[in-house]
Amino acid sequence: MNSYPIEFLNVSKSYSLNRLKYQTLSENFGQIFQRILTGKKRTLQTEDFWALKNISFKVGTDTVLGIIGRNGAGKTTILKLISQITYPDSGSIQVHGKVGAFIELGAGLHPELSGRENIYLYGSILGMKRKEINEKFPEIVKFSGIEKFLDTPIKKYSSGMYARIGFSVVAFMNPDIFLIDEVLAVGDQIFQERCIEKMRQLAKTKTIVFVSHNLDAVRDICTEVIYIESGRVKKWGKPKLVIDFYNNRARSEKYVL
């Protein structure tokens, strides 16, 4: 494997935002009647939102990289770029190795199918062969702790149970690069501890990128941390250094973490 499984070089990513054009109340009423008579649609204004702006970093082998920052800072966008769910507007991204991503809770799971069926469905979406899923199925089920509800449609599951299935399948697909986004925000305490321990085990041989607002978990399992603010890297280094910087900045600017 390349000495740097993940490399970002001057990467930028924007999204187009469509906004309704607001005017005075009397103008709005006039336009409402005009649209009713003419059938015209409301006027939208297009604006570019830069989720990431010219960021560069490298993630080494056997590294657990934590990414922290406020909501909307660009953290999840980084994971989506690594997993090629989306692509950058400029700059280059190099990813060397098989990627296992648990980014959006419930993505890839079908509510009408049972837990058992969803393990096979999600595993196949992630690129696992049926034979591989068969071999790892007992471990996946045991780790998830959903044995009692295995043949129940997951539409009856809680969000924490969704997380149990998703994380467990990704954890046992044996990726080279492991992407995790806020899974610990929905799982119960026992499952959170199980996830952290699993990430510790994976960190011995894998590269992990972990996005979370749980700073204690980030401090506990990460070897490096990046603090993202408004799509830019503001601090990058050892967990204590970056987390202290983030907390001090949050207190001084009265951010809501």
Protein backbone atom coordinates (compact mmCIF):
# COMPACT_ATOMS: atom_id res chain seq x y z
CA MET A 1 0.00 0.00 0.00
CA ASN A 2 1.08 3.58 -0.67
CA SER A 3 2.72 5.28 2.32
CA TYR A 4 -0.21 7.70 2.31
CA PRO A 5 -3.53 5.89 1.79
CA ILE A 6 -5.34 9.24 1.56
CA GLU A 7 -3.99 12.45 0.02
CA PHE A 8 -5.86 15.72 -0.51
CA LEU A 9 -4.09 18.44 -2.50
CA ASN A 10 -5.74 21.87 -2.80
CA VAL A 11 -9.22 20.34 -2.84
CA SER A 12 -12.32 22.52 -3.19
CA LYS A 13 -15.96 21.48 -3.35
CA SER A 14 -19.04 23.65 -3.84
CA TYR A 15 -22.77 23.07 -3.88
CA SER A 16 -25.41 25.18 -5.60
CA LEU A 17 -28.05 26.56 -3.26
CA ASN A 18 -31.42 27.62 -4.64
CA ARG A 19 -32.99 30.38 -2.60
CA LEU A 20 -36.42 31.98 -2.92
CA LYS A 21 -36.28 35.69 -3.65
CA TYR A 22 -38.11 37.53 -0.87
CA GLN A 23 -39.61 40.99 -1.33
CA THR A 24 -42.03 43.24 0.55
CA LEU A 25 -45.38 41.81 1.63
CA SER A 26 -47.34 43.83 -0.95
CA GLU A 27 -44.97 42.78 -3.75
CA ASN A 28 -45.29 39.14 -2.71
CA PHE A 29 -49.10 39.29 -2.77
CA GLY A 30 -48.99 40.88 -6.22
CA GLN A 31 -46.66 38.18 -7.51
CA ILE A 32 -48.77 35.41 -5.96
CA PHE A 33 -51.85 36.56 -7.93
CA GLN A 34 -49.76 36.98 -11.06
CA ARG A 35 -48.41 33.43 -10.75
CA ILE A 36 -51.94 32.08 -10.24
CA LEU A 37 -53.09 33.82 -13.43
CA THR A 38 -50.04 33.03 -15.56
CA GLY A 39 -48.96 29.67 -14.06
CA LYS A 40 -45.39 30.93 -13.61
CA LYS A 41 -43.20 29.42 -10.90
CA ARG A 42 -41.53 31.32 -8.06
CA THR A 43 -38.22 33.00 -8.79
CA LEU A 44 -35.16 31.19 -7.42
CA GLN A 45 -31.74 32.70 -6.86
CA THR A 46 -28.75 30.39 -7.30
CA GLU A 47 -25.80 30.74 -4.94
CA ASP A 48 -22.62 28.66 -4.62
CA PHE A 49 -21.79 27.35 -1.16
CA TRP A 50 -18.15 26.29 -0.73
CA ALA A 51 -18.21 23.24 1.55
CA LEU A 52 -14.41 22.92 1.21
CA LYS A 53 -11.95 25.53 0.02
CA ASN A 54 -8.41 24.65 -1.02
CA ILE A 55 -7.65 22.06 1.68
CA SER A 56 -4.62 19.77 1.74
CA PHE A 57 -3.70 16.92 4.10
CA LYS A 58 -2.32 13.37 4.10
CA VAL A 59 -3.38 10.37 6.17
CA GLY A 60 -0.73 7.74 6.83
CA THR A 61 -1.05 3.98 7.18
CA ASP A 62 -2.24 2.77 10.61
CA THR A 63 -3.50 6.27 11.38
CA VAL A 64 -6.76 7.22 13.08
CA LEU A 65 -7.61 10.70 11.84
CA GLY A 66 -10.29 12.60 13.71
CA ILE A 67 -12.10 15.45 11.98
CA ILE A 68 -13.90 17.96 14.20
CA GLY A 69 -15.74 21.21 13.67
CA ARG A 70 -19.14 22.85 13.75
CA ASN A 71 -22.13 21.55 11.79
CA GLY A 72 -21.74 22.54 8.14
CA ALA A 73 -17.96 22.97 8.41
CA GLY A 74 -17.26 20.41 5.65
CA LYS A 75 -16.46 17.28 7.69
CA THR A 76 -18.91 14.89 6.01
CA THR A 77 -18.03 16.30 2.59
CA ILE A 78 -14.47 15.07 3.14
CA LEU A 79 -15.75 11.55 3.80
CA LYS A 80 -17.99 11.65 0.73
CA LEU A 81 -15.03 12.73 -1.40
CA ILE A 82 -12.85 9.91 -0.05
CA SER A 83 -15.56 7.34 -0.76
CA GLN A 84 -16.31 8.90 -4.18
CA ILE A 85 -19.95 9.59 -3.38
CA THR A 86 -19.16 13.03 -4.76
CA TYR A 87 -16.20 14.60 -6.55
CA PRO A 88 -14.16 17.79 -6.07
CA ASP A 89 -14.53 20.93 -8.20
CA SER A 90 -10.76 21.41 -8.14
CA GLY A 91 -7.65 19.88 -6.67
CA SER A 92 -6.68 16.21 -6.54
CA ILE A 93 -7.56 13.30 -4.24
CA GLN A 94 -5.61 10.06 -4.09
CA VAL A 95 -7.11 7.07 -2.26
CA HIS A 96 -5.13 3.84 -2.15
CA GLY A 97 -7.01 0.80 -0.87
CA LYS A 98 -10.50 -0.58 -0.35
CA VAL A 99 -12.83 1.87 1.39
CA GLY A 100 -15.52 0.91 3.91
CA ALA A 101 -17.80 3.84 4.71
CA PHE A 102 -20.55 4.31 7.27
CA ILE A 103 -21.52 7.90 6.53
CA GLU A 104 -25.31 8.28 6.48
CA LEU A 105 -27.47 6.44 8.99
CA GLY A 106 -29.82 4.08 7.17
CA ALA A 107 -28.31 4.64 3.72
CA GLY A 108 -28.45 1.34 1.82
CA LEU A 109 -30.89 -0.26 4.28
CA HIS A 110 -34.47 -1.13 3.25
CA PRO A 111 -37.14 -0.58 5.94
CA GLU A 112 -39.40 -3.37 4.71
CA LEU A 113 -36.66 -6.00 4.88
CA SER A 114 -35.56 -7.81 8.02
CA GLY A 115 -32.27 -7.28 9.81
CA ARG A 116 -30.99 -10.52 8.30
CA GLU A 117 -31.93 -9.47 4.76
CA ASN A 118 -30.45 -6.00 5.25
CA ILE A 119 -27.10 -7.42 6.31
CA TYR A 120 -26.91 -9.20 2.96
CA LEU A 121 -28.26 -6.18 1.07
CA TYR A 122 -25.89 -3.67 2.69
CA GLY A 123 -22.93 -6.02 2.41
CA SER A 124 -23.55 -6.47 -1.33
CA ILE A 125 -23.86 -2.69 -1.80
CA LEU A 126 -20.46 -2.33 -0.13
CA GLY A 127 -18.95 -4.85 -2.53
CA MET A 128 -18.95 -7.99 -0.40
CA LYS A 129 -19.58 -11.33 -2.11
CA ARG A 130 -22.37 -13.55 -0.77
CA LYS A 131 -19.82 -16.17 0.27
CA GLU A 132 -17.93 -13.54 2.29
CA ILE A 133 -21.13 -12.36 3.96
CA ASN A 134 -22.06 -15.97 4.78
CA GLU A 135 -18.68 -16.50 6.44
CA LYS A 136 -18.84 -13.29 8.48
CA PHE A 137 -22.58 -13.35 9.18
CA PRO A 138 -22.32 -14.87 12.70
CA GLU A 139 -19.69 -12.27 13.72
CA ILE A 140 -21.73 -9.40 12.26
CA VAL A 141 -24.87 -10.49 14.10
CA LYS A 142 -23.04 -11.08 17.38
CA PHE A 143 -21.31 -7.70 17.21
CA SER A 144 -24.53 -5.87 16.34
CA GLY A 145 -26.42 -7.47 19.23
CA ILE A 146 -29.69 -7.65 17.25
CA GLU A 147 -30.08 -11.45 17.44
CA LYS A 148 -33.55 -11.20 19.00
CA PHE A 149 -34.77 -8.90 16.21
CA LEU A 150 -32.86 -10.43 13.31
CA ASP A 151 -35.99 -11.45 11.37
CA THR A 152 -38.02 -8.33 12.21
CA PRO A 153 -38.50 -5.64 9.49
CA ILE A 154 -36.10 -2.85 10.34
CA LYS A 155 -38.80 -0.19 9.97
CA LYS A 156 -39.59 -1.22 13.55
CA TYR A 157 -35.98 -0.62 14.65
CA SER A 158 -34.76 2.42 16.54
CA SER A 159 -32.09 4.68 15.00
CA GLY A 160 -29.57 3.03 17.34
CA MET A 161 -30.43 -0.39 15.92
CA TYR A 162 -29.97 0.96 12.38
CA ALA A 163 -26.51 2.09 13.45
CA ARG A 164 -25.77 -1.36 14.87
CA ILE A 165 -26.45 -3.04 11.52
CA GLY A 166 -24.60 -0.45 9.42
CA PHE A 167 -21.50 -0.25 11.59
CA SER A 168 -21.29 -4.02 12.06
CA VAL A 169 -21.40 -4.78 8.33
CA VAL A 170 -18.75 -2.15 7.54
CA ALA A 171 -16.54 -3.31 10.42
CA PHE A 172 -16.42 -6.87 9.12
CA MET A 173 -16.02 -6.14 5.39
CA ASN A 174 -12.28 -5.78 6.03
CA PRO A 175 -11.54 -2.48 4.26
CA ASP A 176 -8.11 -0.85 4.07
CA ILE A 177 -9.66 2.54 4.84
CA PHE A 178 -12.49 2.85 7.34
CA LEU A 179 -14.75 5.97 7.28
CA ILE A 180 -17.07 6.64 10.21
CA ASP A 181 -19.41 9.63 10.59
CA GLU A 182 -21.13 10.19 13.94
CA VAL A 183 -22.11 6.56 14.51
CA LEU A 184 -21.53 7.08 18.22
CA ALA A 185 -24.18 9.81 18.33
CA VAL A 186 -27.06 7.33 18.06
CA GLY A 187 -25.84 4.08 19.60
CA ASP A 188 -26.39 3.26 23.27
CA GLN A 189 -23.50 3.30 25.73
CA ILE A 190 -22.73 -0.41 25.43
CA PHE A 191 -22.63 -0.29 21.64
CA GLN A 192 -20.56 2.92 21.67
CA GLU A 193 -17.93 1.20 23.81
CA ARG A 194 -18.02 -1.81 21.49
CA CYS A 195 -17.49 0.47 18.46
CA ILE A 196 -14.57 2.27 20.10
CA GLU A 197 -12.91 -1.03 21.00
CA LYS A 198 -13.44 -2.30 17.45
CA MET A 199 -11.87 0.87 16.04
CA ARG A 200 -8.90 0.41 18.36
CA GLN A 201 -8.42 -3.09 16.97
CA LEU A 202 -8.79 -1.93 13.36
CA ALA A 203 -6.36 0.93 13.95
CA LYS A 204 -3.52 -1.55 14.36
CA THR A 205 -3.66 -2.45 10.67
CA LYS A 206 -6.10 -0.02 9.02
CA THR A 207 -6.47 3.66 8.24
CA ILE A 208 -9.50 5.22 9.95
CA VAL A 209 -11.12 8.62 9.40
CA PHE A 210 -13.53 9.42 12.22
CA VAL A 211 -15.88 12.41 12.17
CA SER A 212 -17.53 13.18 15.49
CA HIS A 213 -18.72 15.84 17.92
CA ASN A 214 -17.80 13.44 20.73
CA LEU A 215 -14.47 15.01 21.61
CA ASP A 216 -13.77 12.46 24.36
CA ALA A 217 -14.01 9.64 21.81
CA VAL A 218 -11.85 11.58 19.35
CA ARG A 219 -9.22 12.18 22.04
CA ASP A 220 -9.38 8.54 23.09
CA ILE A 221 -8.90 6.74 19.77
CA CYS A 222 -7.40 9.22 17.27
CA THR A 223 -3.69 9.64 16.58
CA GLU A 224 -4.16 12.89 14.62
CA VAL A 225 -6.96 15.46 14.47
CA ILE A 226 -7.97 18.07 11.89
CA TYR A 227 -10.16 20.99 12.90
CA ILE A 228 -12.30 22.24 9.98
CA GLU A 229 -13.93 25.65 9.99
CA SER A 230 -15.95 27.05 7.06
CA GLY A 231 -14.43 24.53 4.68
CA ARG A 232 -10.81 25.23 5.64
CA VAL A 233 -8.27 23.41 7.81
CA LYS A 234 -7.69 25.62 10.85
CA LYS A 235 -5.58 23.23 12.92
CA TRP A 236 -3.95 19.85 12.34
CA GLY A 237 -1.90 17.85 14.82
CA LYS A 238 -2.03 15.73 17.95
CA PRO A 239 -5.51 15.25 19.48
CA LYS A 240 -4.97 17.22 22.70
CA LEU A 241 -3.41 20.17 20.85
CA VAL A 242 -6.20 20.44 18.27
CA ILE A 243 -9.09 19.75 20.66
CA ASP A 244 -7.80 22.36 23.13
CA PHE A 245 -7.50 24.85 20.26
CA TYR A 246 -11.06 24.06 19.15
CA ASN A 247 -12.49 24.38 22.66
CA ASN A 248 -10.69 27.67 23.29
CA ARG A 249 -11.93 29.04 19.98
CA ALA A 250 -15.46 27.84 20.71
CA ARG A 251 -15.46 29.52 24.12
CA SER A 252 -14.01 32.76 22.81
CA GLU A 253 -16.51 33.00 19.95
CA LYS A 254 -19.42 31.45 21.85
CA TYR A 255 -19.88 28.61 19.39
CA VAL A 256 -22.39 25.87 20.09
CA LEU A 257 -20.49 22.58 19.86
